[in-house]
Amino acid sequence: MVRYRLLDNLREYGLERLHEAGEFPELRRRHRDWYLMLLDRAEAEWIGPDQSSWITRIERERPNLAAALEYCLTEPGEAENGLRIANVLYIFWISRGLLNEGRLWL
């Protein structure tokens, strides 16, 4: 899988433009939705031959998943979605010995 990274100054510029255009909240919601869909797939395929691939993928996506969880914590009405994310991540946290991280988010 190819992953792209932005220079910090480009990322900051893009965030400023999103805020100016009033599109930042929508972007965060769509980001959360994408990671909910990803975790739905991970949960459905967890028990099976692709489990190690899912562990690797979720490990790689931890910063994005943390951003999705942070969104759920800071936006009114998003607690249920945050719990959905944490519920799927629970099996990942256990498998990687990341119980403190799980407790932090829960």
C-alpha atoms as a PDB file:
ATOM      1  CA  MET A   1       0.000   0.000   0.000  1.00  0.00           C
ATOM      2  CA  VAL A   2       1.352   3.400  -0.964  1.00  0.00           C
ATOM      3  CA  ARG A   3       1.083   6.078   1.706  1.00  0.00           C
ATOM      4  CA  TYR A   4       1.483   9.758   1.047  1.00  0.00           C
ATOM      5  CA  ARG A   5       2.756  12.240   3.580  1.00  0.00           C
ATOM      6  CA  LEU A   6       2.450  16.010   3.599  1.00  0.00           C
ATOM      7  CA  LEU A   7       5.054  18.431   4.734  1.00  0.00           C
ATOM      8  CA  ASP A   8       3.933  20.091   7.961  1.00  0.00           C
ATOM      9  CA  ASN A   9       3.723  23.542   6.396  1.00  0.00           C
ATOM     10  CA  LEU A  10       1.513  22.209   3.565  1.00  0.00           C
ATOM     11  CA  ARG A  11      -0.695  20.422   6.079  1.00  0.00           C
ATOM     12  CA  GLU A  12      -1.066  23.603   8.140  1.00  0.00           C
ATOM     13  CA  TYR A  13      -1.856  25.642   5.034  1.00  0.00           C
ATOM     14  CA  GLY A  14      -4.505  23.120   3.985  1.00  0.00           C
ATOM     15  CA  LEU A  15      -6.058  23.137   7.467  1.00  0.00           C
ATOM     16  CA  GLU A  16      -6.169  26.947   7.448  1.00  0.00           C
ATOM     17  CA  ARG A  17      -7.937  26.928   4.084  1.00  0.00           C
ATOM     18  CA  LEU A  18     -10.442  24.320   5.283  1.00  0.00           C
ATOM     19  CA  HIS A  19     -11.204  26.423   8.364  1.00  0.00           C
ATOM     20  CA  GLU A  20     -11.592  29.570   6.257  1.00  0.00           C
ATOM     21  CA  ALA A  21     -13.984  27.782   3.910  1.00  0.00           C
ATOM     22  CA  GLY A  22     -15.944  26.319   6.833  1.00  0.00           C
ATOM     23  CA  GLU A  23     -15.284  22.790   5.569  1.00  0.00           C
ATOM     24  CA  PHE A  24     -13.175  21.472   8.439  1.00  0.00           C
ATOM     25  CA  PRO A  25     -16.070  19.975  10.461  1.00  0.00           C
ATOM     26  CA  GLU A  26     -17.338  18.112   7.375  1.00  0.00           C
ATOM     27  CA  LEU A  27     -13.851  16.790   6.650  1.00  0.00           C
ATOM     28  CA  ARG A  28     -13.514  15.465  10.200  1.00  0.00           C
ATOM     29  CA  ARG A  29     -16.908  13.780   9.995  1.00  0.00           C
ATOM     30  CA  ARG A  30     -16.041  12.134   6.675  1.00  0.00           C
ATOM     31  CA  HIS A  31     -12.674  11.032   8.104  1.00  0.00           C
ATOM     32  CA  ARG A  32     -14.491   9.412  11.026  1.00  0.00           C
ATOM     33  CA  ASP A  33     -16.955   7.724   8.656  1.00  0.00           C
ATOM     34  CA  TRP A  34     -14.143   6.258   6.566  1.00  0.00           C
ATOM     35  CA  TYR A  35     -12.457   4.777   9.612  1.00  0.00           C
ATOM     36  CA  LEU A  36     -15.751   3.376  10.879  1.00  0.00           C
ATOM     37  CA  MET A  37     -16.148   1.580   7.540  1.00  0.00           C
ATOM     38  CA  LEU A  38     -12.570   0.325   7.694  1.00  0.00           C
ATOM     39  CA  LEU A  39     -13.105  -1.041  11.196  1.00  0.00           C
ATOM     40  CA  ASP A  40     -16.376  -2.685  10.176  1.00  0.00           C
ATOM     41  CA  ARG A  41     -14.397  -4.616   7.562  1.00  0.00           C
ATOM     42  CA  ALA A  42     -11.645  -5.399  10.048  1.00  0.00           C
ATOM     43  CA  GLU A  43     -14.151  -6.735  12.538  1.00  0.00           C
ATOM     44  CA  ALA A  44     -15.839  -8.931   9.915  1.00  0.00           C
ATOM     45  CA  GLU A  45     -12.504 -10.348   8.714  1.00  0.00           C
ATOM     46  CA  TRP A  46     -10.645 -10.456  12.044  1.00  0.00           C
ATOM     47  CA  ILE A  47     -11.121 -14.172  12.633  1.00  0.00           C
ATOM     48  CA  GLY A  48      -9.579 -15.654   9.535  1.00  0.00           C
ATOM     49  CA  PRO A  49      -6.500 -15.812   7.371  1.00  0.00           C
ATOM     50  CA  ASP A  50      -6.165 -12.008   7.092  1.00  0.00           C
ATOM     51  CA  GLN A  51      -5.914 -11.311  10.816  1.00  0.00           C
ATOM     52  CA  SER A  52      -2.199 -10.494  10.750  1.00  0.00           C
ATOM     53  CA  SER A  53      -2.781  -8.142   7.809  1.00  0.00           C
ATOM     54  CA  TRP A  54      -5.480  -6.353   9.778  1.00  0.00           C
ATOM     55  CA  ILE A  55      -3.228  -6.037  12.807  1.00  0.00           C
ATOM     56  CA  THR A  56      -0.546  -4.477  10.606  1.00  0.00           C
ATOM     57  CA  ARG A  57      -3.051  -2.158   8.924  1.00  0.00           C
ATOM     58  CA  ILE A  58      -4.594  -0.970  12.173  1.00  0.00           C
ATOM     59  CA  GLU A  59      -1.137  -0.434  13.655  1.00  0.00           C
ATOM     60  CA  ARG A  60      -0.252   1.743  10.682  1.00  0.00           C
ATOM     61  CA  GLU A  61      -3.543   3.661  10.995  1.00  0.00           C
ATOM     62  CA  ARG A  62      -3.281   4.344  14.736  1.00  0.00           C
ATOM     63  CA  PRO A  63      -2.727   8.116  14.343  1.00  0.00           C
ATOM     64  CA  ASN A  64      -5.771   8.386  12.075  1.00  0.00           C
ATOM     65  CA  LEU A  65      -7.848   6.231  14.391  1.00  0.00           C
ATOM     66  CA  ALA A  66      -6.804   8.433  17.309  1.00  0.00           C
ATOM     67  CA  ALA A  67      -7.943  11.478  15.313  1.00  0.00           C
ATOM     68  CA  ALA A  68     -11.307   9.808  14.662  1.00  0.00           C
ATOM     69  CA  LEU A  69     -11.674   8.979  18.352  1.00  0.00           C
ATOM     70  CA  GLU A  70     -10.700  12.533  19.317  1.00  0.00           C
ATOM     71  CA  TYR A  71     -13.401  13.837  16.982  1.00  0.00           C
ATOM     72  CA  CYS A  72     -15.951  11.595  18.693  1.00  0.00           C
ATOM     73  CA  LEU A  73     -14.860  12.876  22.103  1.00  0.00           C
ATOM     74  CA  THR A  74     -15.030  16.550  21.191  1.00  0.00           C
ATOM     75  CA  GLU A  75     -18.145  16.717  19.000  1.00  0.00           C
ATOM     76  CA  PRO A  76     -21.559  16.669  20.663  1.00  0.00           C
ATOM     77  CA  GLY A  77     -23.575  13.596  19.747  1.00  0.00           C
ATOM     78  CA  GLU A  78     -20.592  11.541  18.602  1.00  0.00           C
ATOM     79  CA  ALA A  79     -20.078   9.407  21.726  1.00  0.00           C
ATOM     80  CA  GLU A  80     -21.858   6.391  20.234  1.00  0.00           C
ATOM     81  CA  ASN A  81     -19.598   6.421  17.181  1.00  0.00           C
ATOM     82  CA  GLY A  82     -16.570   6.695  19.457  1.00  0.00           C
ATOM     83  CA  LEU A  83     -17.748   3.647  21.353  1.00  0.00           C
ATOM     84  CA  ARG A  84     -18.237   1.772  18.067  1.00  0.00           C
ATOM     85  CA  ILE A  85     -14.635   2.543  17.116  1.00  0.00           C
ATOM     86  CA  ALA A  86     -13.314   1.593  20.555  1.00  0.00           C
ATOM     87  CA  ASN A  87     -15.343  -1.614  20.545  1.00  0.00           C
ATOM     88  CA  VAL A  88     -13.612  -2.850  17.389  1.00  0.00           C
ATOM     89  CA  LEU A  89     -10.215  -1.557  18.488  1.00  0.00           C
ATOM     90  CA  TYR A  90     -10.588  -3.498  21.744  1.00  0.00           C
ATOM     91  CA  ILE A  91      -9.549  -6.731  20.021  1.00  0.00           C
ATOM     92  CA  PHE A  92      -6.573  -4.937  18.466  1.00  0.00           C
ATOM     93  CA  TRP A  93      -5.529  -3.397  21.787  1.00  0.00           C
ATOM     94  CA  ILE A  94      -5.646  -6.798  23.463  1.00  0.00           C
ATOM     95  CA  SER A  95      -3.737  -8.521  20.664  1.00  0.00           C
ATOM     96  CA  ARG A  96      -0.957  -5.899  20.820  1.00  0.00           C
ATOM     97  CA  GLY A  97      -0.870  -5.553  24.610  1.00  0.00           C
ATOM     98  CA  LEU A  98      -2.080  -1.936  24.395  1.00  0.00           C
ATOM     99  CA  LEU A  99      -4.514  -2.098  27.300  1.00  0.00           C
ATOM    100  CA  ASN A 100      -3.448   1.291  28.662  1.00  0.00           C
ATOM    101  CA  GLU A 101      -4.252   2.893  25.322  1.00  0.00           C
ATOM    102  CA  GLY A 102      -7.644   1.217  25.342  1.00  0.00           C
ATOM    103  CA  ARG A 103      -8.353   2.378  28.877  1.00  0.00           C
ATOM    104  CA  LEU A 104      -7.353   5.918  27.931  1.00  0.00           C
ATOM    105  CA  TRP A 105      -9.865   6.063  25.096  1.00  0.00           C
ATOM    106  CA  LEU A 106     -12.633   4.298  26.993  1.00  0.00           C
END
